[in-house]
Amino acid sequence: MGDVMDGEGRATAPVLGRLLEAVNSHDLDSLVSCFADDYVNETPAHPRRGFLGCEQVRRNWRQIFAGVPDISAQLPRTTVDGATVWTEWEMSGAGADAAPFLMRGVVIFGVDNDTIKSARFYLEPVDDSSGDINAATRRVLGQGEDHPDKEST
């Protein structure tokens, strides 16, 4: 596979191509080799989930490959800004219990010498059951589901 292509067909960020290929071929060693030993992962929406080091990458992906044996990934969009690579991900498959698995979101990578040094991680499971925008707004504001929507915004 090699390079990831941008929206205009230009090759960008070869390490992202290697990462995508490793995910899709379930090659744990190749996947981990994309990351620096001192890799820094930040998960701003869930701060306690951040971690340091590529060995945690190995532990995470060993669990993912075991839990979703047919996982596949796509990068619908990428943008390169110097050493920063913005990526949109979609990962899908079926869990070991045959339940559908689907995650979507953005990961912003810091890349140096074709190695991933850092990431800001915004990838989440897709949730079809949490209601529409009105329900989500009420939930974020702590108003719960039993407050009727007086006026749509």
N, C-alpha and C. Protein backbone atom coordinates (compact mmCIF):
# COMPACT_ATOMS: atom_id res chain seq x y z
N MET A 1 0.82 -1.18 0.00
CA MET A 1 0.00 0.00 0.00
C MET A 1 0.87 1.25 0.00
N GLY A 2 1.79 1.40 0.98
CA GLY A 2 2.71 2.53 0.98
C GLY A 2 2.09 3.82 1.44
N ASP A 3 2.13 4.83 0.58
CA ASP A 3 1.68 6.17 0.95
C ASP A 3 0.17 6.26 1.03
N VAL A 4 -0.30 7.17 1.87
CA VAL A 4 -1.70 7.54 1.92
C VAL A 4 -1.88 8.66 0.90
N MET A 5 -3.00 8.66 0.20
CA MET A 5 -3.25 9.70 -0.80
C MET A 5 -4.14 10.78 -0.22
N ASP A 6 -3.84 12.02 -0.57
CA ASP A 6 -4.72 13.10 -0.16
C ASP A 6 -5.88 13.19 -1.14
N GLY A 7 -6.76 14.15 -0.95
CA GLY A 7 -7.96 14.28 -1.78
C GLY A 7 -7.67 14.53 -3.24
N GLU A 8 -6.45 14.98 -3.56
CA GLU A 8 -6.09 15.24 -4.96
C GLU A 8 -5.16 14.17 -5.52
N GLY A 9 -5.03 13.05 -4.80
CA GLY A 9 -4.25 11.93 -5.32
C GLY A 9 -2.75 12.04 -5.08
N ARG A 10 -2.31 13.01 -4.27
CA ARG A 10 -0.87 13.14 -3.97
C ARG A 10 -0.52 12.24 -2.81
N ALA A 11 0.66 11.63 -2.88
CA ALA A 11 1.12 10.78 -1.79
C ALA A 11 1.53 11.64 -0.60
N THR A 12 1.11 11.25 0.58
CA THR A 12 1.46 11.98 1.80
C THR A 12 1.77 10.98 2.91
N ALA A 13 2.63 11.35 3.82
CA ALA A 13 2.89 10.63 5.07
C ALA A 13 3.00 9.11 4.89
N PRO A 14 4.12 8.64 4.36
CA PRO A 14 4.28 7.19 4.17
C PRO A 14 4.03 6.37 5.44
N VAL A 15 4.34 6.91 6.61
CA VAL A 15 4.10 6.15 7.84
C VAL A 15 2.62 5.86 8.03
N LEU A 16 1.75 6.77 7.56
CA LEU A 16 0.31 6.50 7.69
C LEU A 16 -0.12 5.37 6.76
N GLY A 17 0.49 5.29 5.60
CA GLY A 17 0.23 4.16 4.71
C GLY A 17 0.64 2.85 5.35
N ARG A 18 1.82 2.84 5.98
CA ARG A 18 2.29 1.63 6.68
C ARG A 18 1.36 1.27 7.84
N LEU A 19 0.92 2.29 8.58
CA LEU A 19 0.01 2.04 9.71
C LEU A 19 -1.30 1.45 9.22
N LEU A 20 -1.89 2.04 8.20
CA LEU A 20 -3.15 1.54 7.66
C LEU A 20 -3.00 0.11 7.15
N GLU A 21 -1.92 -0.15 6.45
CA GLU A 21 -1.67 -1.51 5.94
C GLU A 21 -1.51 -2.50 7.10
N ALA A 22 -0.80 -2.10 8.15
CA ALA A 22 -0.61 -2.99 9.30
C ALA A 22 -1.92 -3.28 10.01
N VAL A 23 -2.78 -2.27 10.16
CA VAL A 23 -4.09 -2.50 10.77
C VAL A 23 -4.87 -3.49 9.93
N ASN A 24 -4.94 -3.24 8.62
CA ASN A 24 -5.77 -4.07 7.75
C ASN A 24 -5.22 -5.48 7.55
N SER A 25 -3.92 -5.67 7.74
CA SER A 25 -3.36 -7.02 7.63
C SER A 25 -3.17 -7.67 9.01
N HIS A 26 -3.57 -6.95 10.07
CA HIS A 26 -3.49 -7.44 11.45
C HIS A 26 -2.06 -7.82 11.81
N ASP A 27 -1.11 -7.02 11.39
CA ASP A 27 0.31 -7.25 11.62
C ASP A 27 0.76 -6.38 12.79
N LEU A 28 0.73 -6.95 13.98
CA LEU A 28 1.00 -6.21 15.21
C LEU A 28 2.41 -5.62 15.22
N ASP A 29 3.41 -6.39 14.84
CA ASP A 29 4.78 -5.88 14.87
C ASP A 29 4.97 -4.72 13.89
N SER A 30 4.42 -4.83 12.69
CA SER A 30 4.53 -3.73 11.73
C SER A 30 3.80 -2.49 12.23
N LEU A 31 2.65 -2.70 12.86
CA LEU A 31 1.89 -1.59 13.40
C LEU A 31 2.70 -0.85 14.47
N VAL A 32 3.25 -1.59 15.42
CA VAL A 32 4.01 -0.98 16.52
C VAL A 32 5.26 -0.28 15.98
N SER A 33 5.85 -0.80 14.91
CA SER A 33 7.07 -0.20 14.37
C SER A 33 6.82 1.19 13.77
N CYS A 34 5.56 1.57 13.58
CA CYS A 34 5.24 2.90 13.08
C CYS A 34 5.40 3.97 14.16
N PHE A 35 5.48 3.57 15.42
CA PHE A 35 5.47 4.49 16.55
C PHE A 35 6.84 4.59 17.20
N ALA A 36 7.20 5.78 17.64
CA ALA A 36 8.45 6.00 18.37
C ALA A 36 8.36 5.35 19.74
N ASP A 37 9.51 4.95 20.26
CA ASP A 37 9.55 4.36 21.60
C ASP A 37 8.95 5.29 22.64
N ASP A 38 9.17 6.60 22.46
CA ASP A 38 8.67 7.59 23.43
C ASP A 38 7.38 8.27 22.95
N TYR A 39 6.61 7.55 22.15
CA TYR A 39 5.33 8.03 21.63
C TYR A 39 4.46 8.60 22.75
N VAL A 40 3.78 9.72 22.47
CA VAL A 40 2.88 10.37 23.43
C VAL A 40 1.48 10.39 22.83
N ASN A 41 0.52 9.77 23.53
CA ASN A 41 -0.87 9.77 23.11
C ASN A 41 -1.67 10.64 24.07
N GLU A 42 -2.38 11.62 23.52
CA GLU A 42 -3.29 12.45 24.29
C GLU A 42 -4.71 12.17 23.79
N THR A 43 -5.64 12.06 24.72
CA THR A 43 -7.04 11.86 24.38
C THR A 43 -7.82 12.97 25.09
N PRO A 44 -7.91 14.17 24.47
CA PRO A 44 -8.47 15.33 25.16
C PRO A 44 -9.86 15.15 25.73
N ALA A 45 -10.74 14.40 25.08
CA ALA A 45 -12.09 14.21 25.60
C ALA A 45 -12.13 13.22 26.78
N HIS A 46 -11.07 12.45 26.92
CA HIS A 46 -10.95 11.46 28.00
C HIS A 46 -9.51 11.52 28.53
N PRO A 47 -9.15 12.55 29.28
CA PRO A 47 -7.75 12.79 29.64
C PRO A 47 -7.04 11.63 30.33
N ARG A 48 -7.74 10.83 31.09
CA ARG A 48 -7.08 9.72 31.79
C ARG A 48 -6.68 8.59 30.85
N ARG A 49 -7.15 8.62 29.61
CA ARG A 49 -6.81 7.57 28.64
C ARG A 49 -5.49 7.82 27.93
N GLY A 50 -4.91 8.99 28.10
CA GLY A 50 -3.62 9.27 27.47
C GLY A 50 -2.55 8.34 28.02
N PHE A 51 -1.49 8.14 27.23
CA PHE A 51 -0.42 7.24 27.66
C PHE A 51 0.88 7.57 26.95
N LEU A 52 1.96 6.98 27.43
CA LEU A 52 3.28 7.15 26.85
C LEU A 52 3.84 5.81 26.40
N GLY A 53 4.53 5.80 25.28
CA GLY A 53 5.29 4.64 24.85
C GLY A 53 4.60 3.71 23.89
N CYS A 54 5.40 3.10 23.03
CA CYS A 54 4.85 2.21 22.01
C CYS A 54 4.46 0.84 22.58
N GLU A 55 4.92 0.50 23.77
CA GLU A 55 4.50 -0.78 24.33
C GLU A 55 3.02 -0.77 24.71
N GLN A 56 2.50 0.40 25.08
CA GLN A 56 1.05 0.50 25.33
C GLN A 56 0.30 0.39 24.01
N VAL A 57 0.87 0.91 22.92
CA VAL A 57 0.28 0.73 21.59
C VAL A 57 0.15 -0.77 21.31
N ARG A 58 1.21 -1.53 21.60
CA ARG A 58 1.20 -2.98 21.39
C ARG A 58 0.08 -3.63 22.22
N ARG A 59 -0.01 -3.28 23.49
CA ARG A 59 -1.05 -3.87 24.36
C ARG A 59 -2.44 -3.54 23.83
N ASN A 60 -2.66 -2.28 23.45
CA ASN A 60 -3.97 -1.86 22.94
C ASN A 60 -4.35 -2.66 21.70
N TRP A 61 -3.45 -2.71 20.72
CA TRP A 61 -3.77 -3.36 19.46
C TRP A 61 -3.83 -4.88 19.57
N ARG A 62 -3.09 -5.47 20.50
CA ARG A 62 -3.23 -6.91 20.73
C ARG A 62 -4.67 -7.19 21.16
N GLN A 63 -5.21 -6.37 22.06
CA GLN A 63 -6.60 -6.52 22.51
C GLN A 63 -7.58 -6.26 21.38
N ILE A 64 -7.33 -5.23 20.58
CA ILE A 64 -8.23 -4.90 19.48
C ILE A 64 -8.28 -6.04 18.46
N PHE A 65 -7.12 -6.55 18.05
CA PHE A 65 -7.09 -7.65 17.07
C PHE A 65 -7.78 -8.90 17.63
N ALA A 66 -7.65 -9.16 18.92
CA ALA A 66 -8.32 -10.32 19.52
C ALA A 66 -9.83 -10.08 19.64
N GLY A 67 -10.22 -8.85 19.98
CA GLY A 67 -11.63 -8.55 20.20
C GLY A 67 -12.43 -8.31 18.94
N VAL A 68 -11.75 -7.88 17.87
CA VAL A 68 -12.41 -7.64 16.57
C VAL A 68 -11.53 -8.31 15.50
N PRO A 69 -11.65 -9.64 15.37
CA PRO A 69 -10.72 -10.39 14.51
C PRO A 69 -10.74 -10.00 13.04
N ASP A 70 -11.82 -9.37 12.58
CA ASP A 70 -11.88 -8.99 11.16
C ASP A 70 -11.80 -7.47 10.98
N ILE A 71 -11.23 -6.77 11.94
CA ILE A 71 -11.21 -5.31 11.86
C ILE A 71 -10.56 -4.84 10.56
N SER A 72 -11.14 -3.79 10.01
CA SER A 72 -10.54 -3.13 8.85
C SER A 72 -10.68 -1.63 9.07
N ALA A 73 -9.76 -0.89 8.46
CA ALA A 73 -9.73 0.56 8.64
C ALA A 73 -9.66 1.25 7.30
N GLN A 74 -10.21 2.45 7.28
CA GLN A 74 -10.13 3.34 6.12
C GLN A 74 -9.74 4.72 6.61
N LEU A 75 -9.08 5.46 5.75
CA LEU A 75 -8.76 6.86 6.00
C LEU A 75 -9.48 7.69 4.94
N PRO A 76 -10.71 8.11 5.21
CA PRO A 76 -11.45 8.88 4.20
C PRO A 76 -10.76 10.20 3.84
N ARG A 77 -10.07 10.81 4.82
CA ARG A 77 -9.44 12.11 4.55
C ARG A 77 -8.15 12.23 5.35
N THR A 78 -7.14 12.83 4.74
CA THR A 78 -5.90 13.19 5.43
C THR A 78 -5.46 14.55 4.95
N THR A 79 -4.82 15.27 5.84
CA THR A 79 -4.22 16.55 5.49
C THR A 79 -2.89 16.65 6.20
N VAL A 80 -1.88 17.05 5.47
CA VAL A 80 -0.54 17.19 6.04
C VAL A 80 -0.22 18.67 6.15
N ASP A 81 0.23 19.06 7.35
CA ASP A 81 0.66 20.42 7.62
C ASP A 81 2.03 20.33 8.30
N GLY A 82 3.07 20.29 7.49
CA GLY A 82 4.41 20.10 8.04
C GLY A 82 4.54 18.74 8.69
N ALA A 83 4.89 18.73 9.97
CA ALA A 83 5.05 17.48 10.71
C ALA A 83 3.75 17.01 11.36
N THR A 84 2.66 17.70 11.07
CA THR A 84 1.36 17.33 11.63
C THR A 84 0.49 16.72 10.53
N VAL A 85 -0.05 15.56 10.81
CA VAL A 85 -0.91 14.87 9.84
C VAL A 85 -2.28 14.68 10.48
N TRP A 86 -3.29 15.33 9.88
CA TRP A 86 -4.68 15.22 10.32
C TRP A 86 -5.32 14.07 9.57
N THR A 87 -5.92 13.14 10.28
CA THR A 87 -6.52 11.96 9.66
C THR A 87 -7.93 11.73 10.17
N GLU A 88 -8.80 11.33 9.26
CA GLU A 88 -10.14 10.87 9.63
C GLU A 88 -10.15 9.36 9.45
N TRP A 89 -10.61 8.64 10.47
CA TRP A 89 -10.60 7.19 10.47
C TRP A 89 -12.01 6.62 10.52
N GLU A 90 -12.17 5.46 9.91
CA GLU A 90 -13.33 4.61 10.11
C GLU A 90 -12.82 3.19 10.27
N MET A 91 -13.14 2.58 11.40
CA MET A 91 -12.73 1.19 11.67
C MET A 91 -13.99 0.37 11.90
N SER A 92 -14.07 -0.78 11.23
CA SER A 92 -15.27 -1.59 11.35
C SER A 92 -14.90 -3.06 11.37
N GLY A 93 -15.85 -3.84 11.79
CA GLY A 93 -15.70 -5.29 11.84
C GLY A 93 -16.80 -5.87 12.72
N ALA A 94 -16.56 -7.08 13.16
CA ALA A 94 -17.48 -7.74 14.09
C ALA A 94 -16.67 -8.20 15.28
N GLY A 95 -17.21 -7.95 16.47
CA GLY A 95 -16.54 -8.40 17.68
C GLY A 95 -16.49 -9.91 17.74
N ALA A 96 -15.70 -10.43 18.66
CA ALA A 96 -15.59 -11.88 18.83
C ALA A 96 -16.95 -12.50 19.10
N ASP A 97 -17.89 -11.71 19.65
CA ASP A 97 -19.26 -12.20 19.90
C ASP A 97 -20.18 -11.94 18.71
N ALA A 98 -19.62 -11.53 17.57
CA ALA A 98 -20.33 -11.23 16.32
C ALA A 98 -21.10 -9.92 16.37
N ALA A 99 -20.99 -9.15 17.45
CA ALA A 99 -21.65 -7.84 17.52
C ALA A 99 -20.92 -6.87 16.58
N PRO A 100 -21.66 -6.02 15.88
CA PRO A 100 -21.03 -5.05 14.99
C PRO A 100 -20.10 -4.11 15.76
N PHE A 101 -18.98 -3.78 15.15
CA PHE A 101 -18.00 -2.85 15.72
C PHE A 101 -17.80 -1.73 14.70
N LEU A 102 -17.95 -0.48 15.15
CA LEU A 102 -17.75 0.66 14.25
C LEU A 102 -17.25 1.84 15.07
N MET A 103 -16.11 2.36 14.67
CA MET A 103 -15.55 3.56 15.28
C MET A 103 -15.25 4.57 14.18
N ARG A 104 -15.46 5.85 14.49
CA ARG A 104 -15.13 6.92 13.56
C ARG A 104 -14.55 8.09 14.35
N GLY A 105 -13.72 8.84 13.69
CA GLY A 105 -13.21 10.04 14.33
C GLY A 105 -11.92 10.52 13.71
N VAL A 106 -11.27 11.41 14.41
CA VAL A 106 -10.07 12.08 13.93
C VAL A 106 -8.90 11.75 14.84
N VAL A 107 -7.75 11.56 14.23
CA VAL A 107 -6.50 11.44 14.97
C VAL A 107 -5.52 12.42 14.32
N ILE A 108 -4.92 13.26 15.14
CA ILE A 108 -3.94 14.23 14.67
C ILE A 108 -2.56 13.73 15.11
N PHE A 109 -1.75 13.34 14.14
CA PHE A 109 -0.45 12.75 14.42
C PHE A 109 0.66 13.77 14.30
N GLY A 110 1.65 13.66 15.18
CA GLY A 110 2.92 14.36 15.03
C GLY A 110 3.90 13.34 14.48
N VAL A 111 4.49 13.65 13.32
CA VAL A 111 5.37 12.70 12.62
C VAL A 111 6.76 13.31 12.50
N ASP A 112 7.78 12.48 12.74
CA ASP A 112 9.17 12.90 12.60
C ASP A 112 9.95 11.76 11.99
N ASN A 113 10.63 12.04 10.87
CA ASN A 113 11.43 11.01 10.20
C ASN A 113 10.65 9.73 9.94
N ASP A 114 9.43 9.87 9.43
CA ASP A 114 8.58 8.74 9.07
C ASP A 114 8.24 7.84 10.27
N THR A 115 8.18 8.46 11.46
CA THR A 115 7.79 7.77 12.68
C THR A 115 6.74 8.61 13.38
N ILE A 116 5.73 7.95 13.92
CA ILE A 116 4.70 8.66 14.67
C ILE A 116 5.22 8.93 16.08
N LYS A 117 5.34 10.22 16.41
CA LYS A 117 5.87 10.63 17.71
C LYS A 117 4.75 10.93 18.70
N SER A 118 3.60 11.37 18.18
CA SER A 118 2.52 11.76 19.08
C SER A 118 1.18 11.67 18.35
N ALA A 119 0.12 11.69 19.15
CA ALA A 119 -1.23 11.71 18.58
C ALA A 119 -2.17 12.39 19.56
N ARG A 120 -3.09 13.14 18.99
CA ARG A 120 -4.27 13.65 19.71
C ARG A 120 -5.43 12.85 19.15
N PHE A 121 -6.05 12.09 20.00
CA PHE A 121 -6.95 11.00 19.62
C PHE A 121 -8.40 11.38 19.89
N TYR A 122 -9.21 11.42 18.83
CA TYR A 122 -10.64 11.76 18.94
C TYR A 122 -11.49 10.68 18.27
N LEU A 123 -11.08 9.45 18.35
CA LEU A 123 -11.78 8.32 17.73
C LEU A 123 -12.69 7.69 18.77
N GLU A 124 -13.97 7.50 18.41
CA GLU A 124 -14.98 7.00 19.36
C GLU A 124 -15.86 5.95 18.70
N PRO A 125 -16.44 5.05 19.50
CA PRO A 125 -17.44 4.14 18.95
C PRO A 125 -18.64 4.92 18.42
N VAL A 126 -19.18 4.48 17.30
CA VAL A 126 -20.38 5.10 16.75
C VAL A 126 -21.56 4.70 17.63
N ASP A 127 -22.38 5.68 17.99
CA ASP A 127 -23.52 5.45 18.88
C ASP A 127 -24.81 5.87 18.17
N ASP A 128 -25.55 4.88 17.69
CA ASP A 128 -26.82 5.15 17.00
C ASP A 128 -28.00 5.27 17.96
N SER A 129 -27.77 5.04 19.24
CA SER A 129 -28.89 4.96 20.17
C SER A 129 -29.03 6.16 21.10
N SER A 130 -28.20 7.17 20.95
CA SER A 130 -28.19 8.26 21.94
C SER A 130 -29.15 9.41 21.61
N GLY A 131 -29.98 9.26 20.61
CA GLY A 131 -30.96 10.29 20.32
C GLY A 131 -30.47 11.33 19.33
N ASP A 132 -31.35 12.26 19.03
CA ASP A 132 -31.04 13.30 18.06
C ASP A 132 -30.28 14.45 18.72
N ILE A 133 -30.08 15.53 17.99
CA ILE A 133 -29.32 16.66 18.49
C ILE A 133 -29.97 17.30 19.71
N ASN A 134 -31.31 17.33 19.75
CA ASN A 134 -32.00 17.92 20.90
C ASN A 134 -31.73 17.12 22.17
N ALA A 135 -31.82 15.81 22.07
CA ALA A 135 -31.54 14.96 23.22
C ALA A 135 -30.08 15.10 23.64
N ALA A 136 -29.18 15.16 22.68
CA ALA A 136 -27.76 15.30 23.00
C ALA A 136 -27.47 16.63 23.69
N THR A 137 -28.09 17.70 23.21
CA THR A 137 -27.89 19.01 23.83
C THR A 137 -28.40 19.00 25.27
N ARG A 138 -29.57 18.44 25.49
CA ARG A 138 -30.10 18.35 26.85
C ARG A 138 -29.17 17.54 27.75
N ARG A 139 -28.64 16.45 27.22
CA ARG A 139 -27.74 15.60 28.01
C ARG A 139 -26.47 16.36 28.38
N VAL A 140 -25.88 17.07 27.42
CA VAL A 140 -24.66 17.85 27.68
C VAL A 140 -24.91 18.92 28.72
N LEU A 141 -26.10 19.51 28.69
CA LEU A 141 -26.45 20.57 29.64
C LEU A 141 -26.95 20.03 30.97
N GLY A 142 -26.99 18.69 31.10
CA GLY A 142 -27.42 18.07 32.34
C GLY A 142 -28.91 18.16 32.58
N GLN A 143 -29.68 18.32 31.51
CA GLN A 143 -31.12 18.45 31.65
C GLN A 143 -31.86 17.12 31.54
N GLY A 144 -31.16 16.07 31.18
CA GLY A 144 -31.78 14.76 31.09
C GLY A 144 -32.79 14.66 29.96
N GLU A 145 -33.41 13.51 29.86
CA GLU A 145 -34.36 13.24 28.78
C GLU A 145 -35.76 13.69 29.10
N ASP A 146 -36.08 13.98 30.38
CA ASP A 146 -37.46 14.28 30.71
C ASP A 146 -37.78 15.77 30.65
N HIS A 147 -36.91 16.57 30.08
CA HIS A 147 -37.20 17.99 29.87
C HIS A 147 -37.61 18.16 28.42
N PRO A 148 -38.88 18.45 28.15
CA PRO A 148 -39.32 18.57 26.76
C PRO A 148 -38.63 19.74 26.08
N ASP A 149 -38.42 19.56 24.80
CA ASP A 149 -37.80 20.60 24.00
C ASP A 149 -38.85 21.66 23.69
N LYS A 150 -38.71 22.85 24.27
CA LYS A 150 -39.70 23.91 24.06
C LYS A 150 -39.54 24.58 22.71
N GLU A 151 -38.29 24.60 22.25
CA GLU A 151 -38.05 25.24 20.96
C GLU A 151 -36.78 24.64 20.38
N SER A 152 -36.84 24.21 19.15
CA SER A 152 -35.64 23.67 18.50
C SER A 152 -34.68 24.80 18.21
N THR A 153 -33.38 24.50 18.38
CA THR A 153 -32.36 25.51 18.08
C THR A 153 -31.55 25.11 16.90
